[in-house]
Amino acid sequence: MPNHLDGNALAGVLAEVFTTDVTAARARCSSCGRTAPVAEAMVYPDAPGLVARCASCDHVLVVVVTAGERLVLSLAGLDAIDLRV
């Protein structure tokens, strides 16, 4: 796999959707059960969008694709996300 960034790379694009800082939120991987801040995810920016993978098991957690005026967000790899509001 190509080099990756940390989960903080998701901050700008997710700020368009959420009113709180999602990178500080704790998320649980649906594959291995690891719970960690989103900022600890491995983010690969070389796809058509951003792909965030679990730092423990490499499972896809989040996919974000921006297409013109549309933002497509998949959180399918998460069991839960704990947003502090």
PDB file of N, CA and C in Angstrom:
ATOM      1  N   MET A   1       0.838  -1.185   0.000  1.00  0.00           N
ATOM      2  CA  MET A   1       0.000   0.000   0.000  1.00  0.00           C
ATOM      3  C   MET A   1       0.880   1.243   0.000  1.00  0.00           C
ATOM      4  N   PRO A   2       0.376   2.315  -0.570  1.00  0.00           N
ATOM      5  CA  PRO A   2       1.152   3.558  -0.577  1.00  0.00           C
ATOM      6  C   PRO A   2       1.246   4.144   0.834  1.00  0.00           C
ATOM      7  N   ASN A   3       2.063   5.169   0.962  1.00  0.00           N
ATOM      8  CA  ASN A   3       2.193   5.844   2.261  1.00  0.00           C
ATOM      9  C   ASN A   3       0.851   6.404   2.691  1.00  0.00           C
ATOM     10  N   HIS A   4       0.677   6.493   4.000  1.00  0.00           N
ATOM     11  CA  HIS A   4      -0.585   7.002   4.532  1.00  0.00           C
ATOM     12  C   HIS A   4      -0.346   8.186   5.454  1.00  0.00           C
ATOM     13  N   LEU A   5      -1.419   8.927   5.699  1.00  0.00           N
ATOM     14  CA  LEU A   5      -1.436  10.035   6.644  1.00  0.00           C
ATOM     15  C   LEU A   5      -2.156   9.552   7.893  1.00  0.00           C
ATOM     16  N   ASP A   6      -2.185  10.356   8.952  1.00  0.00           N
ATOM     17  CA  ASP A   6      -2.989   9.959  10.105  1.00  0.00           C
ATOM     18  C   ASP A   6      -4.413  10.502   9.946  1.00  0.00           C
ATOM     19  N   GLY A   7      -5.281  10.129  10.876  1.00  0.00           N
ATOM     20  CA  GLY A   7      -6.692  10.474  10.790  1.00  0.00           C
ATOM     21  C   GLY A   7      -6.989  11.956  10.790  1.00  0.00           C
ATOM     22  N   ASN A   8      -6.021  12.775  11.175  1.00  0.00           N
ATOM     23  CA  ASN A   8      -6.226  14.222  11.135  1.00  0.00           C
ATOM     24  C   ASN A   8      -6.449  14.723   9.710  1.00  0.00           C
ATOM     25  N   ALA A   9      -6.071  13.921   8.723  1.00  0.00           N
ATOM     26  CA  ALA A   9      -6.290  14.298   7.325  1.00  0.00           C
ATOM     27  C   ALA A   9      -7.777  14.363   6.979  1.00  0.00           C
ATOM     28  N   LEU A  10      -8.618  13.780   7.816  1.00  0.00           N
ATOM     29  CA  LEU A  10     -10.061  13.810   7.599  1.00  0.00           C
ATOM     30  C   LEU A  10     -10.723  15.070   8.149  1.00  0.00           C
ATOM     31  N   ALA A  11     -10.000  15.853   8.935  1.00  0.00           N
ATOM     32  CA  ALA A  11     -10.584  16.985   9.664  1.00  0.00           C
ATOM     33  C   ALA A  11     -11.318  17.968   8.759  1.00  0.00           C
ATOM     34  N   GLY A  12     -10.694  18.413   7.703  1.00  0.00           N
ATOM     35  CA  GLY A  12     -11.304  19.434   6.845  1.00  0.00           C
ATOM     36  C   GLY A  12     -12.580  18.970   6.179  1.00  0.00           C
ATOM     37  N   VAL A  13     -12.533  17.812   5.558  1.00  0.00           N
ATOM     38  CA  VAL A  13     -13.699  17.332   4.819  1.00  0.00           C
ATOM     39  C   VAL A  13     -14.834  16.949   5.771  1.00  0.00           C
ATOM     40  N   LEU A  14     -14.526  16.377   6.935  1.00  0.00           N
ATOM     41  CA  LEU A  14     -15.586  16.010   7.875  1.00  0.00           C
ATOM     42  C   LEU A  14     -16.170  17.222   8.592  1.00  0.00           C
ATOM     43  N   ALA A  15     -15.422  18.325   8.644  1.00  0.00           N
ATOM     44  CA  ALA A  15     -15.945  19.558   9.247  1.00  0.00           C
ATOM     45  C   ALA A  15     -17.105  20.115   8.426  1.00  0.00           C
ATOM     46  N   GLU A  16     -17.186  19.727   7.152  1.00  0.00           N
ATOM     47  CA  GLU A  16     -18.290  20.154   6.300  1.00  0.00           C
ATOM     48  C   GLU A  16     -19.590  19.442   6.665  1.00  0.00           C
ATOM     49  N   VAL A  17     -19.488  18.309   7.367  1.00  0.00           N
ATOM     50  CA  VAL A  17     -20.644  17.495   7.691  1.00  0.00           C
ATOM     51  C   VAL A  17     -21.003  17.571   9.176  1.00  0.00           C
ATOM     52  N   PHE A  18     -19.990  17.495  10.038  1.00  0.00           N
ATOM     53  CA  PHE A  18     -20.214  17.451  11.476  1.00  0.00           C
ATOM     54  C   PHE A  18     -19.892  18.804  12.108  1.00  0.00           C
ATOM     55  N   THR A  19     -20.591  19.129  13.194  1.00  0.00           N
ATOM     56  CA  THR A  19     -20.357  20.409  13.868  1.00  0.00           C
ATOM     57  C   THR A  19     -19.286  20.307  14.946  1.00  0.00           C
ATOM     58  N   THR A  20     -18.797  19.127  15.210  1.00  0.00           N
ATOM     59  CA  THR A  20     -17.756  18.920  16.216  1.00  0.00           C
ATOM     60  C   THR A  20     -16.528  18.316  15.545  1.00  0.00           C
ATOM     61  N   ASP A  21     -15.390  18.372  16.204  1.00  0.00           N
ATOM     62  CA  ASP A  21     -14.148  17.829  15.653  1.00  0.00           C
ATOM     63  C   ASP A  21     -14.191  16.306  15.698  1.00  0.00           C
ATOM     64  N   VAL A  22     -14.416  15.691  14.559  1.00  0.00           N
ATOM     65  CA  VAL A  22     -14.549  14.241  14.486  1.00  0.00           C
ATOM     66  C   VAL A  22     -13.222  13.538  14.736  1.00  0.00           C
ATOM     67  N   THR A  23     -12.110  14.169  14.455  1.00  0.00           N
ATOM     68  CA  THR A  23     -10.825  13.502  14.665  1.00  0.00           C
ATOM     69  C   THR A  23     -10.569  13.206  16.133  1.00  0.00           C
ATOM     70  N   ALA A  24     -11.210  13.931  17.035  1.00  0.00           N
ATOM     71  CA  ALA A  24     -11.068  13.677  18.471  1.00  0.00           C
ATOM     72  C   ALA A  24     -12.063  12.621  18.959  1.00  0.00           C
ATOM     73  N   ALA A  25     -13.051  12.295  18.145  1.00  0.00           N
ATOM     74  CA  ALA A  25     -14.055  11.298  18.524  1.00  0.00           C
ATOM     75  C   ALA A  25     -13.419   9.921  18.617  1.00  0.00           C
ATOM     76  N   ARG A  26     -13.948   9.098  19.499  1.00  0.00           N
ATOM     77  CA  ARG A  26     -13.485   7.721  19.629  1.00  0.00           C
ATOM     78  C   ARG A  26     -14.389   6.842  18.770  1.00  0.00           C
ATOM     79  N   ALA A  27     -13.774   5.997  17.964  1.00  0.00           N
ATOM     80  CA  ALA A  27     -14.519   5.133  17.057  1.00  0.00           C
ATOM     81  C   ALA A  27     -14.107   3.679  17.287  1.00  0.00           C
ATOM     82  N   ARG A  28     -15.071   2.764  17.098  1.00  0.00           N
ATOM     83  CA  ARG A  28     -14.802   1.337  17.287  1.00  0.00           C
ATOM     84  C   ARG A  28     -14.826   0.625  15.939  1.00  0.00           C
ATOM     85  N   CYS A  29     -13.722  -0.049  15.625  1.00  0.00           N
ATOM     86  CA  CYS A  29     -13.592  -0.811  14.384  1.00  0.00           C
ATOM     87  C   CYS A  29     -14.550  -2.002  14.415  1.00  0.00           C
ATOM     88  N   SER A  30     -15.311  -2.181  13.348  1.00  0.00           N
ATOM     89  CA  SER A  30     -16.262  -3.287  13.285  1.00  0.00           C
ATOM     90  C   SER A  30     -15.582  -4.626  13.018  1.00  0.00           C
ATOM     91  N   SER A  31     -14.304  -4.607  12.677  1.00  0.00           N
ATOM     92  CA  SER A  31     -13.584  -5.844  12.406  1.00  0.00           C
ATOM     93  C   SER A  31     -12.886  -6.390  13.655  1.00  0.00           C
ATOM     94  N   CYS A  32     -12.039  -5.566  14.278  1.00  0.00           N
ATOM     95  CA  CYS A  32     -11.250  -6.057  15.422  1.00  0.00           C
ATOM     96  C   CYS A  32     -11.747  -5.552  16.773  1.00  0.00           C
ATOM     97  N   GLY A  33     -12.656  -4.565  16.774  1.00  0.00           N
ATOM     98  CA  GLY A  33     -13.194  -4.044  18.018  1.00  0.00           C
ATOM     99  C   GLY A  33     -12.345  -2.991  18.695  1.00  0.00           C
ATOM    100  N   ARG A  34     -11.230  -2.625  18.104  1.00  0.00           N
ATOM    101  CA  ARG A  34     -10.376  -1.600  18.711  1.00  0.00           C
ATOM    102  C   ARG A  34     -11.114  -0.271  18.761  1.00  0.00           C
ATOM    103  N   THR A  35     -11.050   0.394  19.908  1.00  0.00           N
ATOM    104  CA  THR A  35     -11.625   1.722  20.061  1.00  0.00           C
ATOM    105  C   THR A  35     -10.490   2.708  20.232  1.00  0.00           C
ATOM    106  N   ALA A  36     -10.475   3.749  19.388  1.00  0.00           N
ATOM    107  CA  ALA A  36      -9.389   4.731  19.396  1.00  0.00           C
ATOM    108  C   ALA A  36      -9.890   6.023  18.765  1.00  0.00           C
ATOM    109  N   PRO A  37      -9.196   7.133  19.018  1.00  0.00           N
ATOM    110  CA  PRO A  37      -9.562   8.381  18.340  1.00  0.00           C
ATOM    111  C   PRO A  37      -9.449   8.228  16.819  1.00  0.00           C
ATOM    112  N   VAL A  38     -10.338   8.870  16.104  1.00  0.00           N
ATOM    113  CA  VAL A  38     -10.300   8.840  14.639  1.00  0.00           C
ATOM    114  C   VAL A  38      -8.936   9.328  14.132  1.00  0.00           C
ATOM    115  N   ALA A  39      -8.312  10.240  14.865  1.00  0.00           N
ATOM    116  CA  ALA A  39      -7.010  10.781  14.469  1.00  0.00           C
ATOM    117  C   ALA A  39      -5.928   9.708  14.374  1.00  0.00           C
ATOM    118  N   GLU A  40      -6.135   8.554  15.001  1.00  0.00           N
ATOM    119  CA  GLU A  40      -5.144   7.479  14.949  1.00  0.00           C
ATOM    120  C   GLU A  40      -5.301   6.566  13.738  1.00  0.00           C
ATOM    121  N   ALA A  41      -6.367   6.760  12.969  1.00  0.00           N
ATOM    122  CA  ALA A  41      -6.576   5.941  11.771  1.00  0.00           C
ATOM    123  C   ALA A  41      -5.488   6.239  10.739  1.00  0.00           C
ATOM    124  N   MET A  42      -5.261   5.297   9.847  1.00  0.00           N
ATOM    125  CA  MET A  42      -4.324   5.489   8.738  1.00  0.00           C
ATOM    126  C   MET A  42      -5.152   5.935   7.538  1.00  0.00           C
ATOM    127  N   VAL A  43      -4.873   7.136   7.017  1.00  0.00           N
ATOM    128  CA  VAL A  43      -5.660   7.694   5.917  1.00  0.00           C
ATOM    129  C   VAL A  43      -4.842   7.663   4.631  1.00  0.00           C
ATOM    130  N   TYR A  44      -5.424   7.068   3.615  1.00  0.00           N
ATOM    131  CA  TYR A  44      -4.788   6.968   2.303  1.00  0.00           C
ATOM    132  C   TYR A  44      -5.476   7.944   1.357  1.00  0.00           C
ATOM    133  N   PRO A  45      -4.758   8.995   0.919  1.00  0.00           N
ATOM    134  CA  PRO A  45      -5.364  10.027   0.087  1.00  0.00           C
ATOM    135  C   PRO A  45      -5.257   9.760  -1.414  1.00  0.00           C
ATOM    136  N   ASP A  46      -4.675   8.638  -1.826  1.00  0.00           N
ATOM    137  CA  ASP A  46      -4.404   8.399  -3.235  1.00  0.00           C
ATOM    138  C   ASP A  46      -5.561   7.767  -4.001  1.00  0.00           C
ATOM    139  N   ALA A  47      -6.633   7.425  -3.318  1.00  0.00           N
ATOM    140  CA  ALA A  47      -7.815   6.871  -3.984  1.00  0.00           C
ATOM    141  C   ALA A  47      -8.626   8.039  -4.564  1.00  0.00           C
ATOM    142  N   PRO A  48      -9.748   7.759  -5.199  1.00  0.00           N
ATOM    143  CA  PRO A  48     -10.595   8.862  -5.669  1.00  0.00           C
ATOM    144  C   PRO A  48     -11.068   9.765  -4.536  1.00  0.00           C
ATOM    145  N   GLY A  49     -10.988   9.300  -3.307  1.00  0.00           N
ATOM    146  CA  GLY A  49     -11.335  10.090  -2.128  1.00  0.00           C
ATOM    147  C   GLY A  49     -10.351   9.768  -1.026  1.00  0.00           C
ATOM    148  N   LEU A  50     -10.792   9.892   0.222  1.00  0.00           N
ATOM    149  CA  LEU A  50      -9.967   9.533   1.370  1.00  0.00           C
ATOM    150  C   LEU A  50     -10.457   8.205   1.924  1.00  0.00           C
ATOM    151  N   VAL A  51      -9.531   7.297   2.200  1.00  0.00           N
ATOM    152  CA  VAL A  51      -9.858   6.007   2.783  1.00  0.00           C
ATOM    153  C   VAL A  51      -9.130   5.905   4.111  1.00  0.00           C
ATOM    154  N   ALA A  52      -9.886   5.755   5.206  1.00  0.00           N
ATOM    155  CA  ALA A  52      -9.294   5.624   6.540  1.00  0.00           C
ATOM    156  C   ALA A  52      -9.375   4.167   6.966  1.00  0.00           C
ATOM    157  N   ARG A  53      -8.232   3.627   7.404  1.00  0.00           N
ATOM    158  CA  ARG A  53      -8.154   2.228   7.826  1.00  0.00           C
ATOM    159  C   ARG A  53      -7.771   2.138   9.302  1.00  0.00           C
ATOM    160  N   CYS A  54      -8.192   1.072   9.933  1.00  0.00           N
ATOM    161  CA  CYS A  54      -7.865   0.811  11.330  1.00  0.00           C
ATOM    162  C   CYS A  54      -6.354   0.637  11.480  1.00  0.00           C
ATOM    163  N   ALA A  55      -5.767   1.302  12.464  1.00  0.00           N
ATOM    164  CA  ALA A  55      -4.327   1.202  12.707  1.00  0.00           C
ATOM    165  C   ALA A  55      -3.944  -0.162  13.262  1.00  0.00           C
ATOM    166  N   SER A  56      -4.917  -0.911  13.728  1.00  0.00           N
ATOM    167  CA  SER A  56      -4.646  -2.223  14.308  1.00  0.00           C
ATOM    168  C   SER A  56      -4.764  -3.356  13.285  1.00  0.00           C
ATOM    169  N   CYS A  57      -5.887  -3.387  12.538  1.00  0.00           N
ATOM    170  CA  CYS A  57      -6.125  -4.530  11.644  1.00  0.00           C
ATOM    171  C   CYS A  57      -6.219  -4.153  10.160  1.00  0.00           C
ATOM    172  N   ASP A  58      -6.105  -2.871   9.824  1.00  0.00           N
ATOM    173  CA  ASP A  58      -6.121  -2.384   8.445  1.00  0.00           C
ATOM    174  C   ASP A  58      -7.509  -2.430   7.792  1.00  0.00           C
ATOM    175  N   HIS A  59      -8.560  -2.692   8.560  1.00  0.00           N
ATOM    176  CA  HIS A  59      -9.938  -2.715   8.050  1.00  0.00           C
ATOM    177  C   HIS A  59     -10.353  -1.304   7.619  1.00  0.00           C
ATOM    178  N   VAL A  60     -11.093  -1.183   6.524  1.00  0.00           N
ATOM    179  CA  VAL A  60     -11.580   0.121   6.069  1.00  0.00           C
ATOM    180  C   VAL A  60     -12.638   0.616   7.053  1.00  0.00           C
ATOM    181  N   LEU A  61     -12.395   1.800   7.636  1.00  0.00           N
ATOM    182  CA  LEU A  61     -13.310   2.401   8.596  1.00  0.00           C
ATOM    183  C   LEU A  61     -14.212   3.440   7.951  1.00  0.00           C
ATOM    184  N   VAL A  62     -13.600   4.364   7.210  1.00  0.00           N
ATOM    185  CA  VAL A  62     -14.298   5.517   6.651  1.00  0.00           C
ATOM    186  C   VAL A  62     -13.844   5.736   5.216  1.00  0.00           C
ATOM    187  N   VAL A  63     -14.790   6.061   4.352  1.00  0.00           N
ATOM    188  CA  VAL A  63     -14.484   6.471   2.982  1.00  0.00           C
ATOM    189  C   VAL A  63     -15.210   7.794   2.741  1.00  0.00           C
ATOM    190  N   VAL A  64     -14.467   8.779   2.243  1.00  0.00           N
ATOM    191  CA  VAL A  64     -15.045  10.092   1.937  1.00  0.00           C
ATOM    192  C   VAL A  64     -14.682  10.444   0.502  1.00  0.00           C
ATOM    193  N   VAL A  65     -15.694  10.695  -0.310  1.00  0.00           N
ATOM    194  CA  VAL A  65     -15.474  11.080  -1.703  1.00  0.00           C
ATOM    195  C   VAL A  65     -16.215  12.386  -1.954  1.00  0.00           C
ATOM    196  N   THR A  66     -15.503  13.378  -2.476  1.00  0.00           N
ATOM    197  CA  THR A  66     -16.104  14.645  -2.858  1.00  0.00           C
ATOM    198  C   THR A  66     -16.219  14.660  -4.374  1.00  0.00           C
ATOM    199  N   ALA A  67     -17.430  14.896  -4.861  1.00  0.00           N
ATOM    200  CA  ALA A  67     -17.683  14.920  -6.301  1.00  0.00           C
ATOM    201  C   ALA A  67     -18.511  16.156  -6.609  1.00  0.00           C
ATOM    202  N   GLY A  68     -17.833  17.219  -6.983  1.00  0.00           N
ATOM    203  CA  GLY A  68     -18.539  18.465  -7.265  1.00  0.00           C
ATOM    204  C   GLY A  68     -19.181  19.010  -6.004  1.00  0.00           C
ATOM    205  N   GLU A  69     -20.493  19.160  -6.029  1.00  0.00           N
ATOM    206  CA  GLU A  69     -21.218  19.672  -4.870  1.00  0.00           C
ATOM    207  C   GLU A  69     -21.700  18.561  -3.945  1.00  0.00           C
ATOM    208  N   ARG A  70     -21.312  17.327  -4.223  1.00  0.00           N
ATOM    209  CA  ARG A  70     -21.732  16.181  -3.416  1.00  0.00           C
ATOM    210  C   ARG A  70     -20.584  15.686  -2.563  1.00  0.00           C
ATOM    211  N   LEU A  71     -20.907  15.241  -1.363  1.00  0.00           N
ATOM    212  CA  LEU A  71     -19.944  14.585  -0.498  1.00  0.00           C
ATOM    213  C   LEU A  71     -20.553  13.244  -0.111  1.00  0.00           C
ATOM    214  N   VAL A  72     -19.879  12.168  -0.467  1.00  0.00           N
ATOM    215  CA  VAL A  72     -20.357  10.829  -0.162  1.00  0.00           C
ATOM    216  C   VAL A  72     -19.509  10.299   0.992  1.00  0.00           C
ATOM    217  N   LEU A  73     -20.173   9.917   2.079  1.00  0.00           N
ATOM    218  CA  LEU A  73     -19.493   9.501   3.304  1.00  0.00           C
ATOM    219  C   LEU A  73     -19.978   8.116   3.697  1.00  0.00           C
ATOM    220  N   SER A  74     -19.039   7.189   3.870  1.00  0.00           N
ATOM    221  CA  SER A  74     -19.365   5.855   4.357  1.00  0.00           C
ATOM    222  C   SER A  74     -18.624   5.626   5.669  1.00  0.00           C
ATOM    223  N   LEU A  75     -19.380   5.298   6.708  1.00  0.00           N
ATOM    224  CA  LEU A  75     -18.816   4.939   8.010  1.00  0.00           C
ATOM    225  C   LEU A  75     -19.068   3.459   8.276  1.00  0.00           C
ATOM    226  N   ALA A  76     -19.204   2.669   7.220  1.00  0.00           N
ATOM    227  CA  ALA A  76     -19.604   1.270   7.317  1.00  0.00           C
ATOM    228  C   ALA A  76     -18.628   0.417   8.126  1.00  0.00           C
ATOM    229  N   GLY A  77     -17.385   0.811   8.221  1.00  0.00           N
ATOM    230  CA  GLY A  77     -16.399   0.025   8.959  1.00  0.00           C
ATOM    231  C   GLY A  77     -16.368   0.305  10.450  1.00  0.00           C
ATOM    232  N   LEU A  78     -17.292   1.148  10.922  1.00  0.00           N
ATOM    233  CA  LEU A  78     -17.346   1.492  12.342  1.00  0.00           C
ATOM    234  C   LEU A  78     -18.570   0.862  12.992  1.00  0.00           C
ATOM    235  N   ASP A  79     -18.376   0.311  14.188  1.00  0.00           N
ATOM    236  CA  ASP A  79     -19.510  -0.133  14.992  1.00  0.00           C
ATOM    237  C   ASP A  79     -20.146   1.041  15.699  1.00  0.00           C
ATOM    238  N   ALA A  80     -19.306   1.997  16.114  1.00  0.00           N
ATOM    239  CA  ALA A  80     -19.803   3.142  16.860  1.00  0.00           C
ATOM    240  C   ALA A  80     -18.800   4.285  16.752  1.00  0.00           C
ATOM    241  N   ILE A  81     -19.313   5.493  16.927  1.00  0.00           N
ATOM    242  CA  ILE A  81     -18.457   6.677  16.998  1.00  0.00           C
ATOM    243  C   ILE A  81     -18.999   7.538  18.139  1.00  0.00           C
ATOM    244  N   ASP A  82     -18.114   7.914  19.063  1.00  0.00           N
ATOM    245  CA  ASP A  82     -18.492   8.666  20.255  1.00  0.00           C
ATOM    246  C   ASP A  82     -18.113  10.126  20.042  1.00  0.00           C
ATOM    247  N   LEU A  83     -19.108  10.952  19.695  1.00  0.00           N
ATOM    248  CA  LEU A  83     -18.897  12.374  19.443  1.00  0.00           C
ATOM    249  C   LEU A  83     -19.202  13.163  20.720  1.00  0.00           C
ATOM    250  N   ARG A  84     -18.259  13.931  21.184  1.00  0.00           N
ATOM    251  CA  ARG A  84     -18.483  14.779  22.350  1.00  0.00           C
ATOM    252  C   ARG A  84     -19.035  16.117  21.875  1.00  0.00           C
ATOM    253  N   VAL A  85     -20.236  16.464  22.291  1.00  0.00           N
ATOM    254  CA  VAL A  85     -20.852  17.703  21.828  1.00  0.00           C
ATOM    255  C   VAL A  85     -20.971  18.710  22.955  1.00  0.00           C
TER     256      VAL A  85
END
